N, C-alpha and C. Protein backbone atom coordinates (compact mmCIF):
# COMPACT_ATOMS: atom_id res chain seq x y z
N MET A 1 29.14 23.43 16.94
CA MET A 1 29.64 22.15 17.40
C MET A 1 28.45 21.24 17.71
N LYS A 2 28.49 20.04 17.21
CA LYS A 2 27.42 19.08 17.44
C LYS A 2 27.66 18.34 18.75
N ASN A 3 26.58 18.10 19.47
CA ASN A 3 26.73 17.24 20.62
C ASN A 3 26.17 15.87 20.25
N ALA A 4 26.46 14.88 21.05
CA ALA A 4 26.08 13.50 20.72
C ALA A 4 24.56 13.34 20.60
N LYS A 5 23.82 14.14 21.34
CA LYS A 5 22.37 13.99 21.33
C LYS A 5 21.77 14.40 19.98
N ASN A 6 22.36 15.38 19.30
CA ASN A 6 21.82 15.88 18.05
C ASN A 6 22.62 15.47 16.83
N ASP A 7 23.63 14.66 16.99
CA ASP A 7 24.47 14.26 15.87
C ASP A 7 23.79 13.12 15.12
N PRO A 8 23.28 13.37 13.90
CA PRO A 8 22.58 12.31 13.16
C PRO A 8 23.50 11.20 12.67
N LEU A 9 24.80 11.44 12.64
CA LEU A 9 25.71 10.40 12.20
C LEU A 9 26.02 9.39 13.30
N LYS A 10 25.81 9.76 14.55
CA LYS A 10 25.98 8.86 15.69
C LYS A 10 24.78 9.05 16.62
N PRO A 11 23.60 8.62 16.19
CA PRO A 11 22.40 8.89 16.98
C PRO A 11 22.36 8.13 18.30
N VAL A 12 21.84 8.79 19.31
CA VAL A 12 21.68 8.20 20.63
C VAL A 12 20.37 7.43 20.71
N ARG A 13 19.34 7.97 20.08
CA ARG A 13 18.02 7.35 20.13
C ARG A 13 17.99 6.06 19.33
N ALA A 14 17.37 5.05 19.88
CA ALA A 14 17.30 3.74 19.23
C ALA A 14 16.52 3.81 17.92
N ASP A 15 15.43 4.58 17.88
CA ASP A 15 14.65 4.68 16.65
C ASP A 15 15.46 5.36 15.55
N TYR A 16 16.28 6.35 15.90
CA TYR A 16 17.15 6.99 14.91
C TYR A 16 18.20 6.01 14.39
N ARG A 17 18.74 5.18 15.29
CA ARG A 17 19.76 4.21 14.86
C ARG A 17 19.20 3.21 13.86
N ILE A 18 18.00 2.71 14.12
CA ILE A 18 17.38 1.76 13.21
C ILE A 18 17.11 2.42 11.87
N LEU A 19 16.55 3.62 11.91
CA LEU A 19 16.23 4.34 10.67
C LEU A 19 17.50 4.66 9.89
N LYS A 20 18.57 5.03 10.58
CA LYS A 20 19.84 5.32 9.91
C LYS A 20 20.37 4.08 9.20
N LYS A 21 20.27 2.92 9.84
CA LYS A 21 20.72 1.68 9.21
C LYS A 21 19.93 1.38 7.94
N ILE A 22 18.62 1.57 8.01
CA ILE A 22 17.77 1.31 6.85
C ILE A 22 18.13 2.26 5.71
N LEU A 23 18.28 3.53 6.03
CA LEU A 23 18.59 4.52 5.00
C LEU A 23 19.98 4.31 4.42
N ASP A 24 20.95 4.02 5.27
CA ASP A 24 22.32 3.79 4.77
C ASP A 24 22.43 2.57 3.88
N SER A 25 21.59 1.57 4.13
CA SER A 25 21.69 0.34 3.35
C SER A 25 21.11 0.49 1.94
N SER A 26 20.23 1.45 1.74
CA SER A 26 19.55 1.53 0.45
C SER A 26 19.62 2.88 -0.25
N TYR A 27 19.85 3.95 0.48
CA TYR A 27 19.73 5.28 -0.10
C TYR A 27 20.91 6.16 0.30
N LYS A 28 21.17 7.16 -0.53
CA LYS A 28 22.19 8.15 -0.22
C LYS A 28 21.46 9.43 0.19
N VAL A 29 21.39 9.66 1.50
CA VAL A 29 20.69 10.82 2.03
C VAL A 29 21.56 11.55 3.03
N LEU A 30 21.22 12.81 3.25
CA LEU A 30 21.80 13.55 4.35
C LEU A 30 20.95 13.23 5.58
N HIS A 31 21.59 12.95 6.68
CA HIS A 31 20.88 12.55 7.89
C HIS A 31 20.50 13.78 8.70
N ILE A 32 19.21 14.14 8.62
CA ILE A 32 18.70 15.34 9.28
C ILE A 32 17.63 14.90 10.29
N PRO A 33 17.83 15.24 11.56
CA PRO A 33 16.90 14.77 12.60
C PRO A 33 15.43 15.13 12.34
N GLU A 34 15.15 16.29 11.78
CA GLU A 34 13.77 16.68 11.51
C GLU A 34 13.12 15.75 10.50
N GLU A 35 13.89 15.30 9.52
CA GLU A 35 13.36 14.36 8.52
C GLU A 35 13.12 12.99 9.15
N TYR A 36 13.99 12.60 10.06
CA TYR A 36 13.79 11.35 10.80
C TYR A 36 12.49 11.43 11.59
N ASP A 37 12.27 12.58 12.23
CA ASP A 37 11.06 12.76 13.04
C ASP A 37 9.80 12.61 12.20
N LEU A 38 9.84 13.10 10.96
CA LEU A 38 8.69 12.97 10.06
C LEU A 38 8.42 11.50 9.74
N ILE A 39 9.45 10.74 9.43
CA ILE A 39 9.29 9.32 9.12
C ILE A 39 8.77 8.57 10.35
N ILE A 40 9.29 8.90 11.51
CA ILE A 40 8.85 8.25 12.75
C ILE A 40 7.39 8.54 13.02
N LEU A 41 6.97 9.78 12.80
CA LEU A 41 5.58 10.16 13.00
C LEU A 41 4.65 9.39 12.06
N VAL A 42 5.03 9.32 10.79
CA VAL A 42 4.22 8.59 9.80
C VAL A 42 4.15 7.11 10.16
N PHE A 43 5.27 6.54 10.58
CA PHE A 43 5.32 5.13 10.98
C PHE A 43 4.36 4.86 12.13
N GLU A 44 4.37 5.71 13.12
CA GLU A 44 3.49 5.52 14.27
C GLU A 44 2.02 5.71 13.90
N LYS A 45 1.72 6.71 13.04
CA LYS A 45 0.34 6.94 12.62
C LYS A 45 -0.17 5.81 11.73
N ALA A 46 0.73 5.12 11.03
CA ALA A 46 0.34 4.01 10.17
C ALA A 46 0.16 2.72 10.97
N GLY A 47 0.34 2.81 12.28
CA GLY A 47 0.13 1.64 13.13
C GLY A 47 1.39 0.85 13.42
N GLY A 48 2.54 1.41 13.07
CA GLY A 48 3.80 0.74 13.32
C GLY A 48 4.14 0.72 14.80
N SER A 49 4.84 -0.30 15.22
CA SER A 49 5.21 -0.46 16.63
C SER A 49 6.73 -0.56 16.74
N TRP A 50 7.32 0.34 17.54
CA TRP A 50 8.76 0.26 17.75
C TRP A 50 9.11 -0.97 18.56
N GLU A 51 8.24 -1.35 19.45
CA GLU A 51 8.46 -2.59 20.20
C GLU A 51 8.54 -3.76 19.23
N GLY A 52 7.65 -3.76 18.23
CA GLY A 52 7.68 -4.80 17.21
C GLY A 52 8.97 -4.79 16.43
N ILE A 53 9.46 -3.61 16.09
CA ILE A 53 10.74 -3.50 15.35
C ILE A 53 11.86 -4.16 16.15
N PHE A 54 11.94 -3.82 17.43
CA PHE A 54 13.04 -4.33 18.25
C PHE A 54 12.89 -5.80 18.61
N GLU A 55 11.67 -6.32 18.50
CA GLU A 55 11.47 -7.75 18.73
C GLU A 55 11.58 -8.55 17.43
N GLY A 56 11.78 -7.86 16.31
CA GLY A 56 11.99 -8.54 15.04
C GLY A 56 10.72 -8.82 14.26
N ASP A 57 9.64 -8.11 14.56
CA ASP A 57 8.38 -8.29 13.83
C ASP A 57 8.58 -7.86 12.37
N ILE A 58 8.51 -8.81 11.47
CA ILE A 58 8.81 -8.56 10.06
C ILE A 58 7.82 -7.57 9.45
N ASP A 59 6.55 -7.60 9.88
CA ASP A 59 5.57 -6.67 9.33
C ASP A 59 5.89 -5.22 9.71
N ALA A 60 6.33 -5.01 10.93
CA ALA A 60 6.71 -3.67 11.38
C ALA A 60 7.95 -3.19 10.63
N ILE A 61 8.91 -4.08 10.42
CA ILE A 61 10.12 -3.72 9.70
C ILE A 61 9.79 -3.39 8.24
N ARG A 62 8.94 -4.18 7.61
CA ARG A 62 8.53 -3.89 6.23
C ARG A 62 7.83 -2.56 6.13
N LEU A 63 6.97 -2.25 7.09
CA LEU A 63 6.25 -0.98 7.08
C LEU A 63 7.24 0.18 7.17
N LEU A 64 8.21 0.10 8.07
CA LEU A 64 9.20 1.16 8.21
C LEU A 64 10.02 1.32 6.93
N LYS A 65 10.42 0.22 6.33
CA LYS A 65 11.18 0.28 5.09
C LYS A 65 10.35 0.89 3.95
N LYS A 66 9.08 0.54 3.90
CA LYS A 66 8.21 1.09 2.86
C LYS A 66 8.03 2.60 3.04
N ILE A 67 7.87 3.04 4.27
CA ILE A 67 7.72 4.47 4.54
C ILE A 67 9.01 5.20 4.19
N ALA A 68 10.16 4.62 4.51
CA ALA A 68 11.44 5.23 4.15
C ALA A 68 11.59 5.33 2.64
N LYS A 69 11.16 4.30 1.92
CA LYS A 69 11.25 4.29 0.46
C LYS A 69 10.38 5.40 -0.14
N VAL A 70 9.16 5.52 0.34
CA VAL A 70 8.25 6.56 -0.16
C VAL A 70 8.81 7.95 0.17
N ALA A 71 9.32 8.12 1.37
CA ALA A 71 9.89 9.41 1.77
C ALA A 71 11.07 9.78 0.87
N TYR A 72 11.88 8.81 0.50
CA TYR A 72 13.02 9.06 -0.38
C TYR A 72 12.54 9.43 -1.78
N LYS A 73 11.63 8.63 -2.32
CA LYS A 73 11.16 8.87 -3.68
C LYS A 73 10.41 10.19 -3.82
N ARG A 74 9.66 10.56 -2.80
CA ARG A 74 8.90 11.83 -2.86
C ARG A 74 9.70 13.01 -2.33
N GLU A 75 10.98 12.77 -2.08
CA GLU A 75 11.95 13.78 -1.68
C GLU A 75 11.61 14.47 -0.36
N TYR A 76 11.06 13.70 0.59
CA TYR A 76 10.93 14.20 1.95
C TYR A 76 12.25 14.06 2.68
N LEU A 77 13.16 13.28 2.10
CA LEU A 77 14.51 13.15 2.62
C LEU A 77 15.45 13.90 1.69
N THR A 78 16.41 14.59 2.26
CA THR A 78 17.38 15.33 1.47
C THR A 78 18.38 14.35 0.86
N HIS A 79 18.44 14.32 -0.46
CA HIS A 79 19.35 13.41 -1.16
C HIS A 79 20.78 13.95 -1.03
N ALA A 80 21.71 13.04 -0.84
CA ALA A 80 23.12 13.41 -0.77
C ALA A 80 23.62 13.59 -2.19
N SER A 81 24.60 14.46 -2.33
CA SER A 81 25.21 14.69 -3.64
C SER A 81 25.98 13.46 -4.06
N THR A 82 25.91 13.16 -5.32
CA THR A 82 26.71 12.07 -5.86
C THR A 82 27.78 12.67 -6.76
N TRP A 83 29.00 12.34 -6.48
CA TRP A 83 30.12 12.85 -7.25
C TRP A 83 30.69 11.72 -8.08
N ASP A 84 30.43 11.76 -9.35
CA ASP A 84 30.91 10.69 -10.25
C ASP A 84 32.19 11.07 -10.93
């Protein structure tokens, strides 16, 4: 049984919520907290600021989106099955 704290479909953490919105808008992935943690770590090491994200800093948002794109393309994110 999932609790609200670990449920990636209804994340409690603000950084998870932002990342989930970005991923849902562009990619079909399974939402796994460990993969989110990897993207968050890379974002912070690349000089990204969560404060900037929440204040609407376009450069910080672009950086996060770029990192998410690379993570998806290099398969650091688990792709969701597509049923055609």
